[in-house]
Amino acid sequence: MSKVTGRVFVTVAGTRLASKEGAKLIMGGFDRDPVIADTGVVGYTEKIVAPGVECTIVHTAETSLEALRNITNASLSFDTDTGKSFVLSGAWCAKAVELEKGEVKLNFGALDCKEV
């Protein structure tokens, strides 16, 4: 029986974030939508999807919201407890940083995502 990923570790520009459960990796690539005619499905169209990571981190006295907001062109790693790792290159903070009740929601976009 194989171990199933339970925990992930997000590291940006060499700093491991105190990420909470539920971090999400978007590998990027293509979304494919069916094209339907009167005769049924005739094929699909493709739309490019950028790689990225969505996570929530714990806010402490050492957390700099400004530093997080200003992340651009960084290396980001998404490491799982099953030994699988993904490296996102050219990563940036993609959305406004939100702080609420001791948690910071972060969204990162990237140029590329590779499984290593």
PDB file of N, CA and C in Angstrom:
ATOM      1  N   MET A   1       0.832  -1.164   0.000  1.00  0.00           N
ATOM      2  CA  MET A   1       0.000   0.000   0.000  1.00  0.00           C
ATOM      3  C   MET A   1       0.888   1.241   0.000  1.00  0.00           C
ATOM      4  N   SER A   2       0.529   2.230  -0.801  1.00  0.00           N
ATOM      5  CA  SER A   2       1.309   3.464  -0.914  1.00  0.00           C
ATOM      6  C   SER A   2       0.884   4.490   0.123  1.00  0.00           C
ATOM      7  N   LYS A   3       1.852   5.254   0.576  1.00  0.00           N
ATOM      8  CA  LYS A   3       1.542   6.373   1.469  1.00  0.00           C
ATOM      9  C   LYS A   3       0.868   7.468   0.661  1.00  0.00           C
ATOM     10  N   VAL A   4      -0.123   8.107   1.238  1.00  0.00           N
ATOM     11  CA  VAL A   4      -0.860   9.186   0.597  1.00  0.00           C
ATOM     12  C   VAL A   4      -0.369  10.510   1.171  1.00  0.00           C
ATOM     13  N   THR A   5      -0.202  11.507   0.316  1.00  0.00           N
ATOM     14  CA  THR A   5       0.248  12.818   0.769  1.00  0.00           C
ATOM     15  C   THR A   5      -0.710  13.377   1.807  1.00  0.00           C
ATOM     16  N   GLY A   6      -0.135  13.768   2.922  1.00  0.00           N
ATOM     17  CA  GLY A   6      -0.926  14.354   4.001  1.00  0.00           C
ATOM     18  C   GLY A   6      -0.471  15.762   4.325  1.00  0.00           C
ATOM     19  N   ARG A   7       0.843  15.936   4.397  1.00  0.00           N
ATOM     20  CA  ARG A   7       1.405  17.251   4.726  1.00  0.00           C
ATOM     21  C   ARG A   7       2.248  17.743   3.570  1.00  0.00           C
ATOM     22  N   VAL A   8       2.272  19.056   3.415  1.00  0.00           N
ATOM     23  CA  VAL A   8       3.147  19.668   2.420  1.00  0.00           C
ATOM     24  C   VAL A   8       3.904  20.815   3.071  1.00  0.00           C
ATOM     25  N   PHE A   9       5.029  21.130   2.496  1.00  0.00           N
ATOM     26  CA  PHE A   9       5.894  22.184   3.015  1.00  0.00           C
ATOM     27  C   PHE A   9       6.175  23.152   1.878  1.00  0.00           C
ATOM     28  N   VAL A  10       5.875  24.442   2.101  1.00  0.00           N
ATOM     29  CA  VAL A  10       6.046  25.467   1.079  1.00  0.00           C
ATOM     30  C   VAL A  10       7.238  26.332   1.471  1.00  0.00           C
ATOM     31  N   THR A  11       8.200  26.445   0.555  1.00  0.00           N
ATOM     32  CA  THR A  11       9.398  27.250   0.787  1.00  0.00           C
ATOM     33  C   THR A  11       9.517  28.267  -0.337  1.00  0.00           C
ATOM     34  N   VAL A  12       9.676  29.545   0.021  1.00  0.00           N
ATOM     35  CA  VAL A  12       9.797  30.612  -0.959  1.00  0.00           C
ATOM     36  C   VAL A  12      11.102  31.353  -0.725  1.00  0.00           C
ATOM     37  N   ALA A  13      11.911  31.447  -1.766  1.00  0.00           N
ATOM     38  CA  ALA A  13      13.193  32.167  -1.691  1.00  0.00           C
ATOM     39  C   ALA A  13      14.017  31.701  -0.491  1.00  0.00           C
ATOM     40  N   GLY A  14      14.001  30.396  -0.218  1.00  0.00           N
ATOM     41  CA  GLY A  14      14.810  29.822   0.844  1.00  0.00           C
ATOM     42  C   GLY A  14      14.197  29.869   2.231  1.00  0.00           C
ATOM     43  N   THR A  15      13.002  30.439   2.378  1.00  0.00           N
ATOM     44  CA  THR A  15      12.351  30.537   3.676  1.00  0.00           C
ATOM     45  C   THR A  15      11.120  29.638   3.701  1.00  0.00           C
ATOM     46  N   ARG A  16      11.100  28.685   4.637  1.00  0.00           N
ATOM     47  CA  ARG A  16       9.934  27.807   4.767  1.00  0.00           C
ATOM     48  C   ARG A  16       8.812  28.578   5.442  1.00  0.00           C
ATOM     49  N   LEU A  17       7.637  28.542   4.818  1.00  0.00           N
ATOM     50  CA  LEU A  17       6.474  29.212   5.370  1.00  0.00           C
ATOM     51  C   LEU A  17       5.772  28.288   6.367  1.00  0.00           C
ATOM     52  N   ALA A  18       5.146  28.866   7.361  1.00  0.00           N
ATOM     53  CA  ALA A  18       4.393  28.085   8.344  1.00  0.00           C
ATOM     54  C   ALA A  18       3.001  27.830   7.772  1.00  0.00           C
ATOM     55  N   SER A  19       2.959  27.005   6.725  1.00  0.00           N
ATOM     56  CA  SER A  19       1.698  26.782   6.014  1.00  0.00           C
ATOM     57  C   SER A  19       0.777  25.855   6.794  1.00  0.00           C
ATOM     58  N   LYS A  20      -0.497  26.150   6.695  1.00  0.00           N
ATOM     59  CA  LYS A  20      -1.518  25.342   7.350  1.00  0.00           C
ATOM     60  C   LYS A  20      -1.970  24.235   6.402  1.00  0.00           C
ATOM     61  N   GLU A  21      -2.715  23.298   6.928  1.00  0.00           N
ATOM     62  CA  GLU A  21      -3.256  22.212   6.114  1.00  0.00           C
ATOM     63  C   GLU A  21      -4.096  22.790   4.972  1.00  0.00           C
ATOM     64  N   GLY A  22      -3.991  22.177   3.806  1.00  0.00           N
ATOM     65  CA  GLY A  22      -4.815  22.592   2.671  1.00  0.00           C
ATOM     66  C   GLY A  22      -4.064  23.341   1.589  1.00  0.00           C
ATOM     67  N   ALA A  23      -2.733  23.438   1.686  1.00  0.00           N
ATOM     68  CA  ALA A  23      -1.971  24.096   0.621  1.00  0.00           C
ATOM     69  C   ALA A  23      -2.228  23.369  -0.693  1.00  0.00           C
ATOM     70  N   LYS A  24      -2.290  24.140  -1.774  1.00  0.00           N
ATOM     71  CA  LYS A  24      -2.681  23.588  -3.072  1.00  0.00           C
ATOM     72  C   LYS A  24      -1.653  23.947  -4.137  1.00  0.00           C
ATOM     73  N   LEU A  25      -1.249  22.946  -4.919  1.00  0.00           N
ATOM     74  CA  LEU A  25      -0.331  23.126  -6.047  1.00  0.00           C
ATOM     75  C   LEU A  25      -1.123  23.084  -7.336  1.00  0.00           C
ATOM     76  N   ILE A  26      -0.894  24.073  -8.197  1.00  0.00           N
ATOM     77  CA  ILE A  26      -1.439  24.067  -9.551  1.00  0.00           C
ATOM     78  C   ILE A  26      -0.236  23.904 -10.473  1.00  0.00           C
ATOM     79  N   MET A  27      -0.101  22.732 -11.098  1.00  0.00           N
ATOM     80  CA  MET A  27       1.080  22.467 -11.930  1.00  0.00           C
ATOM     81  C   MET A  27       1.112  23.309 -13.193  1.00  0.00           C
ATOM     82  N   GLY A  28      -0.027  23.786 -13.619  1.00  0.00           N
ATOM     83  CA  GLY A  28      -0.088  24.518 -14.873  1.00  0.00           C
ATOM     84  C   GLY A  28      -0.189  23.552 -16.038  1.00  0.00           C
ATOM     85  N   GLY A  29      -0.269  24.086 -17.212  1.00  0.00           N
ATOM     86  CA  GLY A  29      -0.425  23.273 -18.411  1.00  0.00           C
ATOM     87  C   GLY A  29      -1.625  23.747 -19.185  1.00  0.00           C
ATOM     88  N   PHE A  30      -2.603  22.846 -19.377  1.00  0.00           N
ATOM     89  CA  PHE A  30      -3.766  23.191 -20.177  1.00  0.00           C
ATOM     90  C   PHE A  30      -5.063  22.764 -19.497  1.00  0.00           C
ATOM     91  N   ASP A  31      -6.078  23.586 -19.623  1.00  0.00           N
ATOM     92  CA  ASP A  31      -7.458  23.181 -19.362  1.00  0.00           C
ATOM     93  C   ASP A  31      -8.025  22.810 -20.717  1.00  0.00           C
ATOM     94  N   ARG A  32      -8.674  21.676 -20.793  1.00  0.00           N
ATOM     95  CA  ARG A  32      -9.263  21.231 -22.060  1.00  0.00           C
ATOM     96  C   ARG A  32     -10.772  21.152 -21.916  1.00  0.00           C
ATOM     97  N   ASP A  33     -11.480  21.869 -22.782  1.00  0.00           N
ATOM     98  CA  ASP A  33     -12.935  21.898 -22.766  1.00  0.00           C
ATOM     99  C   ASP A  33     -13.481  21.226 -24.027  1.00  0.00           C
ATOM    100  N   PRO A  34     -14.520  20.418 -23.875  1.00  0.00           N
ATOM    101  CA  PRO A  34     -15.076  19.748 -25.042  1.00  0.00           C
ATOM    102  C   PRO A  34     -15.760  20.728 -25.988  1.00  0.00           C
ATOM    103  N   VAL A  35     -15.691  20.414 -27.277  1.00  0.00           N
ATOM    104  CA  VAL A  35     -16.440  21.151 -28.290  1.00  0.00           C
ATOM    105  C   VAL A  35     -17.544  20.210 -28.765  1.00  0.00           C
ATOM    106  N   ILE A  36     -18.771  20.682 -28.651  1.00  0.00           N
ATOM    107  CA  ILE A  36     -19.920  19.829 -28.941  1.00  0.00           C
ATOM    108  C   ILE A  36     -20.672  20.373 -30.146  1.00  0.00           C
ATOM    109  N   ALA A  37     -20.978  19.488 -31.078  1.00  0.00           N
ATOM    110  CA  ALA A  37     -21.795  19.808 -32.252  1.00  0.00           C
ATOM    111  C   ALA A  37     -23.089  19.008 -32.166  1.00  0.00           C
ATOM    112  N   ASP A  38     -23.941  19.166 -33.167  1.00  0.00           N
ATOM    113  CA  ASP A  38     -25.203  18.413 -33.189  1.00  0.00           C
ATOM    114  C   ASP A  38     -24.977  16.905 -33.166  1.00  0.00           C
ATOM    115  N   THR A  39     -23.822  16.473 -33.652  1.00  0.00           N
ATOM    116  CA  THR A  39     -23.524  15.046 -33.723  1.00  0.00           C
ATOM    117  C   THR A  39     -22.869  14.505 -32.463  1.00  0.00           C
ATOM    118  N   GLY A  40     -22.548  15.371 -31.504  1.00  0.00           N
ATOM    119  CA  GLY A  40     -21.894  14.953 -30.268  1.00  0.00           C
ATOM    120  C   GLY A  40     -20.572  15.684 -30.081  1.00  0.00           C
ATOM    121  N   VAL A  41     -19.690  15.106 -29.301  1.00  0.00           N
ATOM    122  CA  VAL A  41     -18.387  15.720 -29.036  1.00  0.00           C
ATOM    123  C   VAL A  41     -17.505  15.550 -30.269  1.00  0.00           C
ATOM    124  N   VAL A  42     -16.950  16.672 -30.754  1.00  0.00           N
ATOM    125  CA  VAL A  42     -16.115  16.630 -31.961  1.00  0.00           C
ATOM    126  C   VAL A  42     -14.645  16.929 -31.668  1.00  0.00           C
ATOM    127  N   GLY A  43     -14.335  17.258 -30.426  1.00  0.00           N
ATOM    128  CA  GLY A  43     -12.953  17.559 -30.061  1.00  0.00           C
ATOM    129  C   GLY A  43     -12.909  18.401 -28.809  1.00  0.00           C
ATOM    130  N   TYR A  44     -11.832  19.164 -28.671  1.00  0.00           N
ATOM    131  CA  TYR A  44     -11.682  20.010 -27.495  1.00  0.00           C
ATOM    132  C   TYR A  44     -10.853  21.238 -27.852  1.00  0.00           C
ATOM    133  N   THR A  45     -10.961  22.263 -27.018  1.00  0.00           N
ATOM    134  CA  THR A  45     -10.114  23.439 -27.118  1.00  0.00           C
ATOM    135  C   THR A  45      -9.203  23.470 -25.899  1.00  0.00           C
ATOM    136  N   GLU A  46      -8.073  24.138 -26.039  1.00  0.00           N
ATOM    137  CA  GLU A  46      -7.134  24.241 -24.929  1.00  0.00           C
ATOM    138  C   GLU A  46      -6.964  25.698 -24.509  1.00  0.00           C
ATOM    139  N   LYS A  47      -6.825  25.875 -23.201  1.00  0.00           N
ATOM    140  CA  LYS A  47      -6.521  27.179 -22.623  1.00  0.00           C
ATOM    141  C   LYS A  47      -5.331  26.985 -21.696  1.00  0.00           C
ATOM    142  N   ILE A  48      -4.317  27.813 -21.823  1.00  0.00           N
ATOM    143  CA  ILE A  48      -3.122  27.705 -20.989  1.00  0.00           C
ATOM    144  C   ILE A  48      -3.453  28.128 -19.561  1.00  0.00           C
ATOM    145  N   VAL A  49      -2.953  27.350 -18.595  1.00  0.00           N
ATOM    146  CA  VAL A  49      -3.120  27.642 -17.173  1.00  0.00           C
ATOM    147  C   VAL A  49      -1.733  27.825 -16.560  1.00  0.00           C
ATOM    148  N   ALA A  50      -1.543  28.916 -15.843  1.00  0.00           N
ATOM    149  CA  ALA A  50      -0.255  29.192 -15.208  1.00  0.00           C
ATOM    150  C   ALA A  50      -0.072  28.320 -13.971  1.00  0.00           C
ATOM    151  N   PRO A  51       1.161  27.915 -13.686  1.00  0.00           N
ATOM    152  CA  PRO A  51       1.429  27.196 -12.443  1.00  0.00           C
ATOM    153  C   PRO A  51       1.262  28.128 -11.238  1.00  0.00           C
ATOM    154  N   GLY A  52       1.038  27.538 -10.078  1.00  0.00           N
ATOM    155  CA  GLY A  52       0.929  28.362  -8.889  1.00  0.00           C
ATOM    156  C   GLY A  52       0.732  27.545  -7.626  1.00  0.00           C
ATOM    157  N   VAL A  53       0.699  28.244  -6.513  1.00  0.00           N
ATOM    158  CA  VAL A  53       0.467  27.646  -5.194  1.00  0.00           C
ATOM    159  C   VAL A  53      -0.482  28.561  -4.435  1.00  0.00           C
ATOM    160  N   GLU A  54      -1.451  27.947  -3.778  1.00  0.00           N
ATOM    161  CA  GLU A  54      -2.346  28.664  -2.870  1.00  0.00           C
ATOM    162  C   GLU A  54      -2.152  28.069  -1.486  1.00  0.00           C
ATOM    163  N   CYS A  55      -1.946  28.933  -0.498  1.00  0.00           N
ATOM    164  CA  CYS A  55      -1.775  28.423   0.861  1.00  0.00           C
ATOM    165  C   CYS A  55      -2.192  29.478   1.871  1.00  0.00           C
ATOM    166  N   THR A  56      -2.379  29.016   3.090  1.00  0.00           N
ATOM    167  CA  THR A  56      -2.640  29.892   4.221  1.00  0.00           C
ATOM    168  C   THR A  56      -1.533  29.649   5.225  1.00  0.00           C
ATOM    169  N   ILE A  57      -0.932  30.734   5.716  1.00  0.00           N
ATOM    170  CA  ILE A  57       0.140  30.596   6.699  1.00  0.00           C
ATOM    171  C   ILE A  57      -0.294  31.211   8.026  1.00  0.00           C
ATOM    172  N   VAL A  58       0.404  30.821   9.069  1.00  0.00           N
ATOM    173  CA  VAL A  58       0.166  31.365  10.406  1.00  0.00           C
ATOM    174  C   VAL A  58       0.878  32.708  10.508  1.00  0.00           C
ATOM    175  N   HIS A  59       0.174  33.721  11.018  1.00  0.00           N
ATOM    176  CA  HIS A  59       0.776  35.039  11.201  1.00  0.00           C
ATOM    177  C   HIS A  59       1.351  35.151  12.602  1.00  0.00           C
ATOM    178  N   THR A  60       2.623  35.516  12.685  1.00  0.00           N
ATOM    179  CA  THR A  60       3.297  35.725  13.961  1.00  0.00           C
ATOM    180  C   THR A  60       3.945  37.109  13.959  1.00  0.00           C
ATOM    181  N   ALA A  61       4.580  37.464  15.066  1.00  0.00           N
ATOM    182  CA  ALA A  61       5.272  38.755  15.146  1.00  0.00           C
ATOM    183  C   ALA A  61       6.411  38.845  14.137  1.00  0.00           C
ATOM    184  N   GLU A  62       6.932  37.701  13.699  1.00  0.00           N
ATOM    185  CA  GLU A  62       8.043  37.691  12.743  1.00  0.00           C
ATOM    186  C   GLU A  62       7.584  37.732  11.282  1.00  0.00           C
ATOM    187  N   THR A  63       6.283  37.621  11.031  1.00  0.00           N
ATOM    188  CA  THR A  63       5.766  37.587   9.659  1.00  0.00           C
ATOM    189  C   THR A  63       5.716  38.990   9.085  1.00  0.00           C
ATOM    190  N   SER A  64       6.377  39.198   7.953  1.00  0.00           N
ATOM    191  CA  SER A  64       6.344  40.496   7.272  1.00  0.00           C
ATOM    192  C   SER A  64       5.388  40.417   6.089  1.00  0.00           C
ATOM    193  N   LEU A  65       4.240  41.051   6.250  1.00  0.00           N
ATOM    194  CA  LEU A  65       3.265  41.071   5.158  1.00  0.00           C
ATOM    195  C   LEU A  65       3.816  41.820   3.948  1.00  0.00           C
ATOM    196  N   GLU A  66       4.575  42.864   4.197  1.00  0.00           N
ATOM    197  CA  GLU A  66       5.164  43.634   3.104  1.00  0.00           C
ATOM    198  C   GLU A  66       6.149  42.783   2.305  1.00  0.00           C
ATOM    199  N   ALA A  67       6.980  42.005   2.996  1.00  0.00           N
ATOM    200  CA  ALA A  67       7.939  41.140   2.302  1.00  0.00           C
ATOM    201  C   ALA A  67       7.209  40.089   1.468  1.00  0.00           C
ATOM    202  N   LEU A  68       6.132  39.523   2.007  1.00  0.00           N
ATOM    203  CA  LEU A  68       5.354  38.536   1.257  1.00  0.00           C
ATOM    204  C   LEU A  68       4.721  39.166   0.024  1.00  0.00           C
ATOM    205  N   ARG A  69       4.136  40.340   0.200  1.00  0.00           N
ATOM    206  CA  ARG A  69       3.489  41.048  -0.903  1.00  0.00           C
ATOM    207  C   ARG A  69       4.473  41.375  -2.024  1.00  0.00           C
ATOM    208  N   ASN A  70       5.723  41.627  -1.666  1.00  0.00           N
ATOM    209  CA  ASN A  70       6.719  42.062  -2.650  1.00  0.00           C
ATOM    210  C   ASN A  70       7.493  40.924  -3.300  1.00  0.00           C
ATOM    211  N   ILE A  71       7.111  39.671  -3.070  1.00  0.00           N
ATOM    212  CA  ILE A  71       7.824  38.543  -3.680  1.00  0.00           C
ATOM    213  C   ILE A  71       7.616  38.552  -5.184  1.00  0.00           C
ATOM    214  N   THR A  72       8.719  38.580  -5.915  1.00  0.00           N
ATOM    215  CA  THR A  72       8.706  38.463  -7.375  1.00  0.00           C
ATOM    216  C   THR A  72       9.934  37.676  -7.793  1.00  0.00           C
ATOM    217  N   ASN A  73       9.831  36.967  -8.894  1.00  0.00           N
ATOM    218  CA  ASN A  73      10.952  36.232  -9.488  1.00  0.00           C
ATOM    219  C   ASN A  73      11.672  35.343  -8.470  1.00  0.00           C
ATOM    220  N   ALA A  74      10.894  34.629  -7.657  1.00  0.00           N
ATOM    221  CA  ALA A  74      11.463  33.776  -6.610  1.00  0.00           C
ATOM    222  C   ALA A  74      11.378  32.308  -7.015  1.00  0.00           C
ATOM    223  N   SER A  75      12.194  31.503  -6.358  1.00  0.00           N
ATOM    224  CA  SER A  75      12.091  30.055  -6.484  1.00  0.00           C
ATOM    225  C   SER A  75      11.188  29.573  -5.359  1.00  0.00           C
ATOM    226  N   LEU A  76      10.214  28.724  -5.687  1.00  0.00           N
ATOM    227  CA  LEU A  76       9.264  28.227  -4.704  1.00  0.00           C
ATOM    228  C   LEU A  76       9.272  26.711  -4.781  1.00  0.00           C
ATOM    229  N   SER A  77       9.376  26.056  -3.627  1.00  0.00           N
ATOM    230  CA  SER A  77       9.296  24.595  -3.634  1.00  0.00           C
ATOM    231  C   SER A  77       8.084  24.148  -2.835  1.00  0.00           C
ATOM    232  N   PHE A  78       7.456  23.095  -3.339  1.00  0.00           N
ATOM    233  CA  PHE A  78       6.262  22.496  -2.748  1.00  0.00           C
ATOM    234  C   PHE A  78       6.626  21.047  -2.496  1.00  0.00           C
ATOM    235  N   ASP A  79       6.963  20.718  -1.249  1.00  0.00           N
ATOM    236  CA  ASP A  79       7.483  19.395  -0.895  1.00  0.00           C
ATOM    237  C   ASP A  79       6.423  18.621  -0.120  1.00  0.00           C
ATOM    238  N   THR A  80       6.222  17.363  -0.496  1.00  0.00           N
ATOM    239  CA  THR A  80       5.212  16.544   0.160  1.00  0.00           C
ATOM    240  C   THR A  80       5.863  15.567   1.133  1.00  0.00           C
ATOM    241  N   ASP A  81       5.067  15.072   2.066  1.00  0.00           N
ATOM    242  CA  ASP A  81       5.580  14.096   3.027  1.00  0.00           C
ATOM    243  C   ASP A  81       5.709  12.693   2.426  1.00  0.00           C
ATOM    244  N   THR A  82       5.377  12.556   1.147  1.00  0.00           N
ATOM    245  CA  THR A  82       5.575  11.279   0.457  1.00  0.00           C
ATOM    246  C   THR A  82       6.856  11.283  -0.369  1.00  0.00           C
ATOM    247  N   GLY A  83       7.614  12.385  -0.290  1.00  0.00           N
ATOM    248  CA  GLY A  83       8.884  12.470  -0.998  1.00  0.00           C
ATOM    249  C   GLY A  83       8.810  13.125  -2.361  1.00  0.00           C
ATOM    250  N   LYS A  84       7.634  13.486  -2.822  1.00  0.00           N
ATOM    251  CA  LYS A  84       7.500  14.182  -4.104  1.00  0.00           C
ATOM    252  C   LYS A  84       7.718  15.664  -3.878  1.00  0.00           C
ATOM    253  N   SER A  85       8.491  16.281  -4.773  1.00  0.00           N
ATOM    254  CA  SER A  85       8.758  17.710  -4.680  1.00  0.00           C
ATOM    255  C   SER A  85       8.535  18.373  -6.029  1.00  0.00           C
ATOM    256  N   PHE A  86       8.117  19.617  -5.969  1.00  0.00           N
ATOM    257  CA  PHE A  86       7.858  20.410  -7.163  1.00  0.00           C
ATOM    258  C   PHE A  86       8.537  21.756  -6.982  1.00  0.00           C
ATOM    259  N   VAL A  87       9.214  22.229  -8.032  1.00  0.00           N
ATOM    260  CA  VAL A  87       9.887  23.524  -7.979  1.00  0.00           C
ATOM    261  C   VAL A  87       9.237  24.449  -8.996  1.00  0.00           C
ATOM    262  N   LEU A  88       8.806  25.603  -8.513  1.00  0.00           N
ATOM    263  CA  LEU A  88       8.206  26.615  -9.367  1.00  0.00           C
ATOM    264  C   LEU A  88       9.225  27.732  -9.536  1.00  0.00           C
ATOM    265  N   SER A  89       9.518  28.081 -10.770  1.00  0.00           N
ATOM    266  CA  SER A  89      10.520  29.122 -11.026  1.00  0.00           C
ATOM    267  C   SER A  89       9.847  30.431 -11.421  1.00  0.00           C
ATOM    268  N   GLY A  90      10.532  31.524 -11.114  1.00  0.00           N
ATOM    269  CA  GLY A  90      10.017  32.853 -11.429  1.00  0.00           C
ATOM    270  C   GLY A  90       8.723  33.173 -10.699  1.00  0.00           C
ATOM    271  N   ALA A  91       8.563  32.672  -9.478  1.00  0.00           N
ATOM    272  CA  ALA A  91       7.300  32.826  -8.740  1.00  0.00           C
ATOM    273  C   ALA A  91       7.114  34.250  -8.220  1.00  0.00           C
ATOM    274  N   TRP A  92       5.848  34.639  -8.124  1.00  0.00           N
ATOM    275  CA  TRP A  92       5.492  35.956  -7.608  1.00  0.00           C
ATOM    276  C   TRP A  92       4.222  35.855  -6.770  1.00  0.00           C
ATOM    277  N   CYS A  93       4.058  36.817  -5.860  1.00  0.00           N
ATOM    278  CA  CYS A  93       2.826  36.910  -5.077  1.00  0.00           C
ATOM    279  C   CYS A  93       1.764  37.468  -6.020  1.00  0.00           C
ATOM    280  N   ALA A  94       0.718  36.675  -6.285  1.00  0.00           N
ATOM    281  CA  ALA A  94      -0.221  36.985  -7.359  1.00  0.00           C
ATOM    282  C   ALA A  94      -1.450  37.785  -6.921  1.00  0.00           C
ATOM    283  N   LYS A  95      -1.779  37.738  -5.653  1.00  0.00           N
ATOM    284  CA  LYS A  95      -2.975  38.447  -5.180  1.00  0.00           C
ATOM    285  C   LYS A  95      -2.629  39.245  -3.937  1.00  0.00           C
ATOM    286  N   ALA A  96      -3.497  40.184  -3.621  1.00  0.00           N
ATOM    287  CA  ALA A  96      -3.300  40.982  -2.415  1.00  0.00           C
ATOM    288  C   ALA A  96      -3.217  40.060  -1.198  1.00  0.00           C
ATOM    289  N   VAL A  97      -2.294  40.368  -0.302  1.00  0.00           N
ATOM    290  CA  VAL A  97      -2.093  39.576   0.911  1.00  0.00           C
ATOM    291  C   VAL A  97      -3.223  39.902   1.891  1.00  0.00           C
ATOM    292  N   GLU A  98      -3.859  38.858   2.436  1.00  0.00           N
ATOM    293  CA  GLU A  98      -4.972  39.042   3.364  1.00  0.00           C
ATOM    294  C   GLU A  98      -4.610  38.474   4.730  1.00  0.00           C
ATOM    295  N   LEU A  99      -4.773  39.279   5.774  1.00  0.00           N
ATOM    296  CA  LEU A  99      -4.561  38.839   7.155  1.00  0.00           C
ATOM    297  C   LEU A  99      -5.898  38.862   7.878  1.00  0.00           C
ATOM    298  N   GLU A 100      -6.260  37.711   8.446  1.00  0.00           N
ATOM    299  CA  GLU A 100      -7.500  37.630   9.207  1.00  0.00           C
ATOM    300  C   GLU A 100      -7.356  36.565  10.287  1.00  0.00           C
ATOM    301  N   LYS A 101      -7.591  36.953  11.525  1.00  0.00           N
ATOM    302  CA  LYS A 101      -7.593  36.037  12.667  1.00  0.00           C
ATOM    303  C   LYS A 101      -6.327  35.181  12.741  1.00  0.00           C
ATOM    304  N   GLY A 102      -5.192  35.810  12.584  1.00  0.00           N
ATOM    305  CA  GLY A 102      -3.926  35.102  12.742  1.00  0.00           C
ATOM    306  C   GLY A 102      -3.508  34.266  11.554  1.00  0.00           C
ATOM    307  N   GLU A 103      -4.204  34.425  10.424  1.00  0.00           N
ATOM    308  CA  GLU A 103      -3.869  33.671   9.224  1.00  0.00           C
ATOM    309  C   GLU A 103      -3.695  34.610   8.039  1.00  0.00           C
ATOM    310  N   VAL A 104      -2.761  34.250   7.164  1.00  0.00           N
ATOM    311  CA  VAL A 104      -2.481  35.035   5.964  1.00  0.00           C
ATOM    312  C   VAL A 104      -2.725  34.156   4.749  1.00  0.00           C
ATOM    313  N   LYS A 105      -3.627  34.593   3.881  1.00  0.00           N
ATOM    314  CA  LYS A 105      -3.894  33.862   2.642  1.00  0.00           C
ATOM    315  C   LYS A 105      -2.923  34.347   1.572  1.00  0.00           C
ATOM    316  N   LEU A 106      -2.263  33.371   0.921  1.00  0.00           N
ATOM    317  CA  LEU A 106      -1.280  33.700  -0.122  1.00  0.00           C
ATOM    318  C   LEU A 106      -1.595  32.950  -1.403  1.00  0.00           C
ATOM    319  N   ASN A 107      -1.398  33.631  -2.515  1.00  0.00           N
ATOM    320  CA  ASN A 107      -1.531  33.035  -3.836  1.00  0.00           C
ATOM    321  C   ASN A 107      -0.288  33.396  -4.631  1.00  0.00           C
ATOM    322  N   PHE A 108       0.377  32.385  -5.155  1.00  0.00           N
ATOM    323  CA  PHE A 108       1.570  32.598  -5.954  1.00  0.00           C
ATOM    324  C   PHE A 108       1.333  32.121  -7.378  1.00  0.00           C
ATOM    325  N   GLY A 109       1.827  32.877  -8.331  1.00  0.00           N
ATOM    326  CA  GLY A 109       1.879  32.452  -9.714  1.00  0.00           C
ATOM    327  C   GLY A 109       3.330  32.162 -10.045  1.00  0.00           C
ATOM    328  N   ALA A 110       3.585  31.472 -11.148  1.00  0.00           N
ATOM    329  CA  ALA A 110       4.966  31.155 -11.523  1.00  0.00           C
ATOM    330  C   ALA A 110       5.053  30.965 -13.030  1.00  0.00           C
ATOM    331  N   LEU A 111       6.278  30.990 -13.523  1.00  0.00           N
ATOM    332  CA  LEU A 111       6.522  30.777 -14.945  1.00  0.00           C
ATOM    333  C   LEU A 111       6.508  29.303 -15.316  1.00  0.00           C
ATOM    334  N   ASP A 112       6.973  28.466 -14.384  1.00  0.00           N
ATOM    335  CA  ASP A 112       7.149  27.052 -14.699  1.00  0.00           C
ATOM    336  C   ASP A 112       7.042  26.213 -13.432  1.00  0.00           C
ATOM    337  N   CYS A 113       6.611  24.964 -13.574  1.00  0.00           N
ATOM    338  CA  CYS A 113       6.563  24.020 -12.446  1.00  0.00           C
ATOM    339  C   CYS A 113       7.121  22.685 -12.927  1.00  0.00           C
ATOM    340  N   LYS A 114       8.108  22.194 -12.209  1.00  0.00           N
ATOM    341  CA  LYS A 114       8.712  20.904 -12.562  1.00  0.00           C
ATOM    342  C   LYS A 114       8.700  19.978 -11.349  1.00  0.00           C
ATOM    343  N   GLU A 115       8.370  18.723 -11.599  1.00  0.00           N
ATOM    344  CA  GLU A 115       8.465  17.703 -10.563  1.00  0.00           C
ATOM    345  C   GLU A 115       9.927  17.262 -10.500  1.00  0.00           C
ATOM    346  N   VAL A 116      10.502  17.286  -9.297  1.00  0.00           N
ATOM    347  CA  VAL A 116      11.929  16.934  -9.153  1.00  0.00           C
ATOM    348  C   VAL A 116      12.100  15.736  -8.238  1.00  0.00           C
TER     349      VAL A 116
END
